[in-house]
Amino acid sequence: MTKCSHTDQIRDIQPHTRGCEECLKTGEKWVHLRLCMSCGHVGCCDSSKNKHATKHFHTTTHPIMRSFEPGEDWGWCYIDEVELDFSR
């Protein structure tokens, strides 16, 4: 089983916005939101047209995001390609 080797990069962050930062600027819509656990950037998921959360990873190499949807406690490490459990 693959483990995430980047959990040391998780910070105690606050989200920058309540919606996808880039979509809010352009008036676009999103499907679901993701929160960068390194800097607090809020981006839209890969089911959204613009996939801003993944674009944020490619721009910054911040490895871990978590769902920014109410009631969801999972995250994802882009580098190790492993799901994380934030319910603890």
PDB file of N, CA and C in Angstrom:
ATOM      1  N   MET A   1       0.839  -1.183   0.000  1.00  0.00           N
ATOM      2  CA  MET A   1       0.000   0.000   0.000  1.00  0.00           C
ATOM      3  C   MET A   1       0.890   1.256   0.000  1.00  0.00           C
ATOM      4  N   THR A   2       0.626   2.169  -0.919  1.00  0.00           N
ATOM      5  CA  THR A   2       1.389   3.406  -1.028  1.00  0.00           C
ATOM      6  C   THR A   2       0.970   4.366   0.072  1.00  0.00           C
ATOM      7  N   LYS A   3       1.948   4.999   0.691  1.00  0.00           N
ATOM      8  CA  LYS A   3       1.672   6.014   1.706  1.00  0.00           C
ATOM      9  C   LYS A   3       2.134   7.369   1.193  1.00  0.00           C
ATOM     10  N   CYS A   4       1.550   8.408   1.749  1.00  0.00           N
ATOM     11  CA  CYS A   4       1.939   9.760   1.387  1.00  0.00           C
ATOM     12  C   CYS A   4       3.206  10.137   2.147  1.00  0.00           C
ATOM     13  N   SER A   5       4.190  10.608   1.418  1.00  0.00           N
ATOM     14  CA  SER A   5       5.446  11.034   2.034  1.00  0.00           C
ATOM     15  C   SER A   5       5.535  12.556   2.155  1.00  0.00           C
ATOM     16  N   HIS A   6       4.391  13.234   2.010  1.00  0.00           N
ATOM     17  CA  HIS A   6       4.384  14.698   2.011  1.00  0.00           C
ATOM     18  C   HIS A   6       3.529  15.315   3.119  1.00  0.00           C
ATOM     19  N   THR A   7       3.104  14.501   4.074  1.00  0.00           N
ATOM     20  CA  THR A   7       2.231  15.035   5.133  1.00  0.00           C
ATOM     21  C   THR A   7       2.930  16.100   5.976  1.00  0.00           C
ATOM     22  N   ASP A   8       4.247  16.144   5.934  1.00  0.00           N
ATOM     23  CA  ASP A   8       4.974  17.186   6.662  1.00  0.00           C
ATOM     24  C   ASP A   8       4.751  18.570   6.048  1.00  0.00           C
ATOM     25  N   GLN A   9       4.140  18.627   4.870  1.00  0.00           N
ATOM     26  CA  GLN A   9       3.879  19.902   4.204  1.00  0.00           C
ATOM     27  C   GLN A   9       2.470  20.432   4.475  1.00  0.00           C
ATOM     28  N   ILE A  10       1.699  19.697   5.284  1.00  0.00           N
ATOM     29  CA  ILE A  10       0.363  20.165   5.672  1.00  0.00           C
ATOM     30  C   ILE A  10       0.534  21.275   6.699  1.00  0.00           C
ATOM     31  N   ARG A  11      -0.094  22.394   6.442  1.00  0.00           N
ATOM     32  CA  ARG A  11      -0.015  23.567   7.322  1.00  0.00           C
ATOM     33  C   ARG A  11      -1.387  23.841   7.942  1.00  0.00           C
ATOM     34  N   ASP A  12      -1.393  24.589   9.027  1.00  0.00           N
ATOM     35  CA  ASP A  12      -2.633  25.055   9.643  1.00  0.00           C
ATOM     36  C   ASP A  12      -3.050  26.310   8.880  1.00  0.00           C
ATOM     37  N   ILE A  13      -3.819  26.123   7.829  1.00  0.00           N
ATOM     38  CA  ILE A  13      -4.155  27.207   6.907  1.00  0.00           C
ATOM     39  C   ILE A  13      -5.613  27.612   7.037  1.00  0.00           C
ATOM     40  N   GLN A  14      -5.921  28.760   6.499  1.00  0.00           N
ATOM     41  CA  GLN A  14      -7.293  29.232   6.356  1.00  0.00           C
ATOM     42  C   GLN A  14      -7.552  29.408   4.865  1.00  0.00           C
ATOM     43  N   PRO A  15      -8.737  29.011   4.393  1.00  0.00           N
ATOM     44  CA  PRO A  15      -9.036  29.183   2.969  1.00  0.00           C
ATOM     45  C   PRO A  15      -9.049  30.663   2.586  1.00  0.00           C
ATOM     46  N   HIS A  16      -8.522  30.972   1.411  1.00  0.00           N
ATOM     47  CA  HIS A  16      -8.489  32.359   0.927  1.00  0.00           C
ATOM     48  C   HIS A  16      -9.872  32.873   0.555  1.00  0.00           C
ATOM     49  N   THR A  17     -10.727  31.974   0.056  1.00  0.00           N
ATOM     50  CA  THR A  17     -12.061  32.348  -0.412  1.00  0.00           C
ATOM     51  C   THR A  17     -13.049  31.238  -0.059  1.00  0.00           C
ATOM     52  N   ARG A  18     -14.311  31.470  -0.340  1.00  0.00           N
ATOM     53  CA  ARG A  18     -15.345  30.445  -0.123  1.00  0.00           C
ATOM     54  C   ARG A  18     -15.691  29.718  -1.411  1.00  0.00           C
ATOM     55  N   GLY A  19     -15.042  30.093  -2.506  1.00  0.00           N
ATOM     56  CA  GLY A  19     -15.250  29.466  -3.805  1.00  0.00           C
ATOM     57  C   GLY A  19     -13.923  29.393  -4.532  1.00  0.00           C
ATOM     58  N   CYS A  20     -13.934  28.817  -5.712  1.00  0.00           N
ATOM     59  CA  CYS A  20     -12.709  28.720  -6.514  1.00  0.00           C
ATOM     60  C   CYS A  20     -12.189  30.128  -6.808  1.00  0.00           C
ATOM     61  N   GLU A  21     -10.966  30.381  -6.410  1.00  0.00           N
ATOM     62  CA  GLU A  21     -10.391  31.725  -6.553  1.00  0.00           C
ATOM     63  C   GLU A  21     -10.411  32.220  -7.991  1.00  0.00           C
ATOM     64  N   GLU A  22      -9.961  31.388  -8.921  1.00  0.00           N
ATOM     65  CA  GLU A  22      -9.896  31.796 -10.317  1.00  0.00           C
ATOM     66  C   GLU A  22     -11.283  31.912 -10.939  1.00  0.00           C
ATOM     67  N   CYS A  23     -12.173  30.970 -10.643  1.00  0.00           N
ATOM     68  CA  CYS A  23     -13.530  31.018 -11.200  1.00  0.00           C
ATOM     69  C   CYS A  23     -14.298  32.235 -10.695  1.00  0.00           C
ATOM     70  N   LEU A  24     -14.088  32.611  -9.448  1.00  0.00           N
ATOM     71  CA  LEU A  24     -14.750  33.798  -8.920  1.00  0.00           C
ATOM     72  C   LEU A  24     -14.315  35.047  -9.688  1.00  0.00           C
ATOM     73  N   LYS A  25     -13.059  35.099 -10.093  1.00  0.00           N
ATOM     74  CA  LYS A  25     -12.547  36.263 -10.837  1.00  0.00           C
ATOM     75  C   LYS A  25     -13.105  36.344 -12.242  1.00  0.00           C
ATOM     76  N   THR A  26     -13.367  35.178 -12.851  1.00  0.00           N
ATOM     77  CA  THR A  26     -13.813  35.158 -14.249  1.00  0.00           C
ATOM     78  C   THR A  26     -15.308  34.916 -14.419  1.00  0.00           C
ATOM     79  N   GLY A  27     -15.999  34.623 -13.324  1.00  0.00           N
ATOM     80  CA  GLY A  27     -17.430  34.366 -13.402  1.00  0.00           C
ATOM     81  C   GLY A  27     -17.781  32.948 -13.833  1.00  0.00           C
ATOM     82  N   GLU A  28     -16.815  32.048 -13.821  1.00  0.00           N
ATOM     83  CA  GLU A  28     -17.046  30.653 -14.195  1.00  0.00           C
ATOM     84  C   GLU A  28     -17.733  29.904 -13.060  1.00  0.00           C
ATOM     85  N   LYS A  29     -18.258  28.743 -13.377  1.00  0.00           N
ATOM     86  CA  LYS A  29     -18.898  27.879 -12.378  1.00  0.00           C
ATOM     87  C   LYS A  29     -17.998  26.690 -12.101  1.00  0.00           C
ATOM     88  N   TRP A  30     -18.184  26.044 -10.947  1.00  0.00           N
ATOM     89  CA  TRP A  30     -17.414  24.865 -10.582  1.00  0.00           C
ATOM     90  C   TRP A  30     -18.355  23.781 -10.088  1.00  0.00           C
ATOM     91  N   VAL A  31     -17.841  22.540 -10.016  1.00  0.00           N
ATOM     92  CA  VAL A  31     -18.624  21.403  -9.543  1.00  0.00           C
ATOM     93  C   VAL A  31     -18.362  21.189  -8.052  1.00  0.00           C
ATOM     94  N   HIS A  32     -17.099  20.994  -7.674  1.00  0.00           N
ATOM     95  CA  HIS A  32     -16.699  20.815  -6.281  1.00  0.00           C
ATOM     96  C   HIS A  32     -15.431  21.612  -6.023  1.00  0.00           C
ATOM     97  N   LEU A  33     -15.141  21.849  -4.750  1.00  0.00           N
ATOM     98  CA  LEU A  33     -13.987  22.657  -4.373  1.00  0.00           C
ATOM     99  C   LEU A  33     -12.934  21.835  -3.643  1.00  0.00           C
ATOM    100  N   ARG A  34     -11.677  22.237  -3.806  1.00  0.00           N
ATOM    101  CA  ARG A  34     -10.530  21.610  -3.150  1.00  0.00           C
ATOM    102  C   ARG A  34      -9.694  22.703  -2.491  1.00  0.00           C
ATOM    103  N   LEU A  35      -9.125  22.369  -1.328  1.00  0.00           N
ATOM    104  CA  LEU A  35      -8.345  23.315  -0.535  1.00  0.00           C
ATOM    105  C   LEU A  35      -6.893  22.859  -0.478  1.00  0.00           C
ATOM    106  N   CYS A  36      -5.976  23.717  -0.877  1.00  0.00           N
ATOM    107  CA  CYS A  36      -4.547  23.404  -0.798  1.00  0.00           C
ATOM    108  C   CYS A  36      -4.120  23.437   0.658  1.00  0.00           C
ATOM    109  N   MET A  37      -3.516  22.367   1.121  1.00  0.00           N
ATOM    110  CA  MET A  37      -3.131  22.261   2.530  1.00  0.00           C
ATOM    111  C   MET A  37      -1.769  22.885   2.813  1.00  0.00           C
ATOM    112  N   SER A  38      -1.140  23.461   1.806  1.00  0.00           N
ATOM    113  CA  SER A  38       0.114  24.179   2.011  1.00  0.00           C
ATOM    114  C   SER A  38      -0.107  25.678   2.138  1.00  0.00           C
ATOM    115  N   CYS A  39      -1.083  26.226   1.374  1.00  0.00           N
ATOM    116  CA  CYS A  39      -1.206  27.683   1.342  1.00  0.00           C
ATOM    117  C   CYS A  39      -2.629  28.222   1.503  1.00  0.00           C
ATOM    118  N   GLY A  40      -3.658  27.372   1.428  1.00  0.00           N
ATOM    119  CA  GLY A  40      -5.032  27.846   1.583  1.00  0.00           C
ATOM    120  C   GLY A  40      -5.729  28.222   0.294  1.00  0.00           C
ATOM    121  N   HIS A  41      -5.093  27.985  -0.845  1.00  0.00           N
ATOM    122  CA  HIS A  41      -5.740  28.253  -2.136  1.00  0.00           C
ATOM    123  C   HIS A  41      -6.974  27.364  -2.288  1.00  0.00           C
ATOM    124  N   VAL A  42      -8.074  27.931  -2.762  1.00  0.00           N
ATOM    125  CA  VAL A  42      -9.291  27.163  -3.049  1.00  0.00           C
ATOM    126  C   VAL A  42      -9.432  27.084  -4.564  1.00  0.00           C
ATOM    127  N   GLY A  43      -9.484  25.850  -5.070  1.00  0.00           N
ATOM    128  CA  GLY A  43      -9.617  25.638  -6.506  1.00  0.00           C
ATOM    129  C   GLY A  43     -10.714  24.639  -6.805  1.00  0.00           C
ATOM    130  N   CYS A  44     -11.149  24.627  -8.052  1.00  0.00           N
ATOM    131  CA  CYS A  44     -12.202  23.697  -8.454  1.00  0.00           C
ATOM    132  C   CYS A  44     -11.619  22.336  -8.820  1.00  0.00           C
ATOM    133  N   CYS A  45     -12.441  21.311  -8.690  1.00  0.00           N
ATOM    134  CA  CYS A  45     -12.029  19.913  -8.885  1.00  0.00           C
ATOM    135  C   CYS A  45     -11.837  19.571 -10.356  1.00  0.00           C
ATOM    136  N   ASP A  46     -11.364  18.375 -10.617  1.00  0.00           N
ATOM    137  CA  ASP A  46     -11.130  17.928 -11.984  1.00  0.00           C
ATOM    138  C   ASP A  46     -12.416  17.633 -12.745  1.00  0.00           C
ATOM    139  N   SER A  47     -13.556  17.558 -12.072  1.00  0.00           N
ATOM    140  CA  SER A  47     -14.840  17.426 -12.763  1.00  0.00           C
ATOM    141  C   SER A  47     -15.343  18.788 -13.240  1.00  0.00           C
ATOM    142  N   SER A  48     -14.725  19.848 -12.763  1.00  0.00           N
ATOM    143  CA  SER A  48     -15.066  21.202 -13.189  1.00  0.00           C
ATOM    144  C   SER A  48     -14.340  21.523 -14.492  1.00  0.00           C
ATOM    145  N   LYS A  49     -14.893  22.430 -15.251  1.00  0.00           N
ATOM    146  CA  LYS A  49     -14.340  22.793 -16.559  1.00  0.00           C
ATOM    147  C   LYS A  49     -12.866  23.216 -16.472  1.00  0.00           C
ATOM    148  N   ASN A  50     -12.517  24.005 -15.479  1.00  0.00           N
ATOM    149  CA  ASN A  50     -11.184  24.612 -15.453  1.00  0.00           C
ATOM    150  C   ASN A  50     -10.132  23.874 -14.624  1.00  0.00           C
ATOM    151  N   LYS A  51     -10.541  22.963 -13.760  1.00  0.00           N
ATOM    152  CA  LYS A  51      -9.610  22.128 -12.983  1.00  0.00           C
ATOM    153  C   LYS A  51      -8.524  22.959 -12.270  1.00  0.00           C
ATOM    154  N   HIS A  52      -8.953  24.018 -11.596  1.00  0.00           N
ATOM    155  CA  HIS A  52      -7.995  24.940 -10.987  1.00  0.00           C
ATOM    156  C   HIS A  52      -7.197  24.347  -9.832  1.00  0.00           C
ATOM    157  N   ALA A  53      -7.744  23.389  -9.100  1.00  0.00           N
ATOM    158  CA  ALA A  53      -6.976  22.779  -8.007  1.00  0.00           C
ATOM    159  C   ALA A  53      -5.758  22.044  -8.562  1.00  0.00           C
ATOM    160  N   THR A  54      -5.939  21.270  -9.614  1.00  0.00           N
ATOM    161  CA  THR A  54      -4.819  20.556 -10.228  1.00  0.00           C
ATOM    162  C   THR A  54      -3.856  21.537 -10.883  1.00  0.00           C
ATOM    163  N   LYS A  55      -4.365  22.573 -11.512  1.00  0.00           N
ATOM    164  CA  LYS A  55      -3.487  23.602 -12.102  1.00  0.00           C
ATOM    165  C   LYS A  55      -2.651  24.269 -11.013  1.00  0.00           C
ATOM    166  N   HIS A  56      -3.249  24.486  -9.851  1.00  0.00           N
ATOM    167  CA  HIS A  56      -2.509  25.073  -8.726  1.00  0.00           C
ATOM    168  C   HIS A  56      -1.349  24.163  -8.327  1.00  0.00           C
ATOM    169  N   PHE A  57      -1.595  22.856  -8.269  1.00  0.00           N
ATOM    170  CA  PHE A  57      -0.522  21.918  -7.958  1.00  0.00           C
ATOM    171  C   PHE A  57       0.596  22.012  -8.995  1.00  0.00           C
ATOM    172  N   HIS A  58       0.257  22.016 -10.271  1.00  0.00           N
ATOM    173  CA  HIS A  58       1.289  22.057 -11.313  1.00  0.00           C
ATOM    174  C   HIS A  58       2.088  23.361 -11.284  1.00  0.00           C
ATOM    175  N   THR A  59       1.457  24.448 -10.864  1.00  0.00           N
ATOM    176  CA  THR A  59       2.140  25.739 -10.778  1.00  0.00           C
ATOM    177  C   THR A  59       3.030  25.836  -9.540  1.00  0.00           C
ATOM    178  N   THR A  60       2.535  25.315  -8.413  1.00  0.00           N
ATOM    179  CA  THR A  60       3.225  25.523  -7.132  1.00  0.00           C
ATOM    180  C   THR A  60       3.961  24.300  -6.611  1.00  0.00           C
ATOM    181  N   THR A  61       3.598  23.129  -7.061  1.00  0.00           N
ATOM    182  CA  THR A  61       4.038  21.817  -6.545  1.00  0.00           C
ATOM    183  C   THR A  61       3.616  21.594  -5.093  1.00  0.00           C
ATOM    184  N   HIS A  62       2.601  22.303  -4.614  1.00  0.00           N
ATOM    185  CA  HIS A  62       2.039  22.016  -3.295  1.00  0.00           C
ATOM    186  C   HIS A  62       1.333  20.669  -3.415  1.00  0.00           C
ATOM    187  N   PRO A  63       1.773  19.640  -2.695  1.00  0.00           N
ATOM    188  CA  PRO A  63       1.359  18.274  -3.000  1.00  0.00           C
ATOM    189  C   PRO A  63      -0.020  17.845  -2.507  1.00  0.00           C
ATOM    190  N   ILE A  64      -0.530  18.445  -1.428  1.00  0.00           N
ATOM    191  CA  ILE A  64      -1.727  17.887  -0.796  1.00  0.00           C
ATOM    192  C   ILE A  64      -2.887  18.873  -0.827  1.00  0.00           C
ATOM    193  N   MET A  65      -4.032  18.369  -1.253  1.00  0.00           N
ATOM    194  CA  MET A  65      -5.274  19.126  -1.174  1.00  0.00           C
ATOM    195  C   MET A  65      -6.285  18.267  -0.432  1.00  0.00           C
ATOM    196  N   ARG A  66      -7.299  18.931   0.054  1.00  0.00           N
ATOM    197  CA  ARG A  66      -8.406  18.192   0.655  1.00  0.00           C
ATOM    198  C   ARG A  66      -9.716  18.720   0.091  1.00  0.00           C
ATOM    199  N   SER A  67     -10.739  17.899   0.201  1.00  0.00           N
ATOM    200  CA  SER A  67     -12.045  18.339  -0.245  1.00  0.00           C
ATOM    201  C   SER A  67     -12.477  19.536   0.597  1.00  0.00           C
ATOM    202  N   PHE A  68     -13.046  20.529  -0.061  1.00  0.00           N
ATOM    203  CA  PHE A  68     -13.573  21.703   0.621  1.00  0.00           C
ATOM    204  C   PHE A  68     -15.095  21.668   0.589  1.00  0.00           C
ATOM    205  N   GLU A  69     -15.628  20.448   0.524  1.00  0.00           N
ATOM    206  CA  GLU A  69     -17.077  20.241   0.510  1.00  0.00           C
ATOM    207  C   GLU A  69     -17.547  19.879   1.916  1.00  0.00           C
ATOM    208  N   PRO A  70     -18.681  20.419   2.359  1.00  0.00           N
ATOM    209  CA  PRO A  70     -19.196  20.099   3.694  1.00  0.00           C
ATOM    210  C   PRO A  70     -19.371  18.597   3.884  1.00  0.00           C
ATOM    211  N   GLY A  71     -18.915  18.091   5.022  1.00  0.00           N
ATOM    212  CA  GLY A  71     -19.086  16.689   5.374  1.00  0.00           C
ATOM    213  C   GLY A  71     -18.079  15.739   4.751  1.00  0.00           C
ATOM    214  N   GLU A  72     -17.160  16.245   3.943  1.00  0.00           N
ATOM    215  CA  GLU A  72     -16.147  15.384   3.320  1.00  0.00           C
ATOM    216  C   GLU A  72     -14.799  15.568   4.019  1.00  0.00           C
ATOM    217  N   ASP A  73     -14.187  14.451   4.399  1.00  0.00           N
ATOM    218  CA  ASP A  73     -12.938  14.483   5.170  1.00  0.00           C
ATOM    219  C   ASP A  73     -11.779  13.806   4.456  1.00  0.00           C
ATOM    220  N   TRP A  74     -11.774  13.808   3.136  1.00  0.00           N
ATOM    221  CA  TRP A  74     -10.709  13.132   2.410  1.00  0.00           C
ATOM    222  C   TRP A  74      -9.809  14.157   1.727  1.00  0.00           C
ATOM    223  N   GLY A  75      -8.619  13.719   1.418  1.00  0.00           N
ATOM    224  CA  GLY A  75      -7.667  14.550   0.698  1.00  0.00           C
ATOM    225  C   GLY A  75      -6.944  13.726  -0.341  1.00  0.00           C
ATOM    226  N   TRP A  76      -6.027  14.358  -1.049  1.00  0.00           N
ATOM    227  CA  TRP A  76      -5.294  13.701  -2.122  1.00  0.00           C
ATOM    228  C   TRP A  76      -3.880  14.254  -2.180  1.00  0.00           C
ATOM    229  N   CYS A  77      -2.913  13.350  -2.307  1.00  0.00           N
ATOM    230  CA  CYS A  77      -1.535  13.755  -2.564  1.00  0.00           C
ATOM    231  C   CYS A  77      -1.294  13.573  -4.053  1.00  0.00           C
ATOM    232  N   TYR A  78      -1.048  14.669  -4.745  1.00  0.00           N
ATOM    233  CA  TYR A  78      -0.819  14.616  -6.186  1.00  0.00           C
ATOM    234  C   TYR A  78       0.457  13.862  -6.535  1.00  0.00           C
ATOM    235  N   ILE A  79       1.468  13.969  -5.721  1.00  0.00           N
ATOM    236  CA  ILE A  79       2.753  13.352  -6.038  1.00  0.00           C
ATOM    237  C   ILE A  79       2.715  11.843  -5.823  1.00  0.00           C
ATOM    238  N   ASP A  80       2.249  11.416  -4.653  1.00  0.00           N
ATOM    239  CA  ASP A  80       2.205   9.979  -4.354  1.00  0.00           C
ATOM    240  C   ASP A  80       0.950   9.298  -4.893  1.00  0.00           C
ATOM    241  N   GLU A  81      -0.008  10.105  -5.377  1.00  0.00           N
ATOM    242  CA  GLU A  81      -1.276   9.606  -5.915  1.00  0.00           C
ATOM    243  C   GLU A  81      -1.973   8.678  -4.915  1.00  0.00           C
ATOM    244  N   VAL A  82      -2.174   9.205  -3.723  1.00  0.00           N
ATOM    245  CA  VAL A  82      -2.818   8.433  -2.665  1.00  0.00           C
ATOM    246  C   VAL A  82      -3.860   9.312  -1.968  1.00  0.00           C
ATOM    247  N   GLU A  83      -4.975   8.675  -1.608  1.00  0.00           N
ATOM    248  CA  GLU A  83      -6.035   9.379  -0.874  1.00  0.00           C
ATOM    249  C   GLU A  83      -5.674   9.440   0.604  1.00  0.00           C
ATOM    250  N   LEU A  84      -6.041  10.551   1.237  1.00  0.00           N
ATOM    251  CA  LEU A  84      -5.758  10.769   2.653  1.00  0.00           C
ATOM    252  C   LEU A  84      -7.056  10.900   3.428  1.00  0.00           C
ATOM    253  N   ASP A  85      -7.021  10.515   4.697  1.00  0.00           N
ATOM    254  CA  ASP A  85      -8.190  10.591   5.574  1.00  0.00           C
ATOM    255  C   ASP A  85      -7.972  11.704   6.589  1.00  0.00           C
ATOM    256  N   PHE A  86      -8.765  12.776   6.483  1.00  0.00           N
ATOM    257  CA  PHE A  86      -8.663  13.906   7.398  1.00  0.00           C
ATOM    258  C   PHE A  86      -9.714  13.862   8.497  1.00  0.00           C
ATOM    259  N   SER A  87     -10.359  12.724   8.685  1.00  0.00           N
ATOM    260  CA  SER A  87     -11.429  12.637   9.687  1.00  0.00           C
ATOM    261  C   SER A  87     -10.874  12.510  11.111  1.00  0.00           C
ATOM    262  N   ARG A  88      -9.609  12.292  11.245  1.00  0.00           N
ATOM    263  CA  ARG A  88      -9.000  12.135  12.572  1.00  0.00           C
ATOM    264  C   ARG A  88      -8.496  13.410  13.120  1.00  0.00           C
TER     265      ARG A  88
END
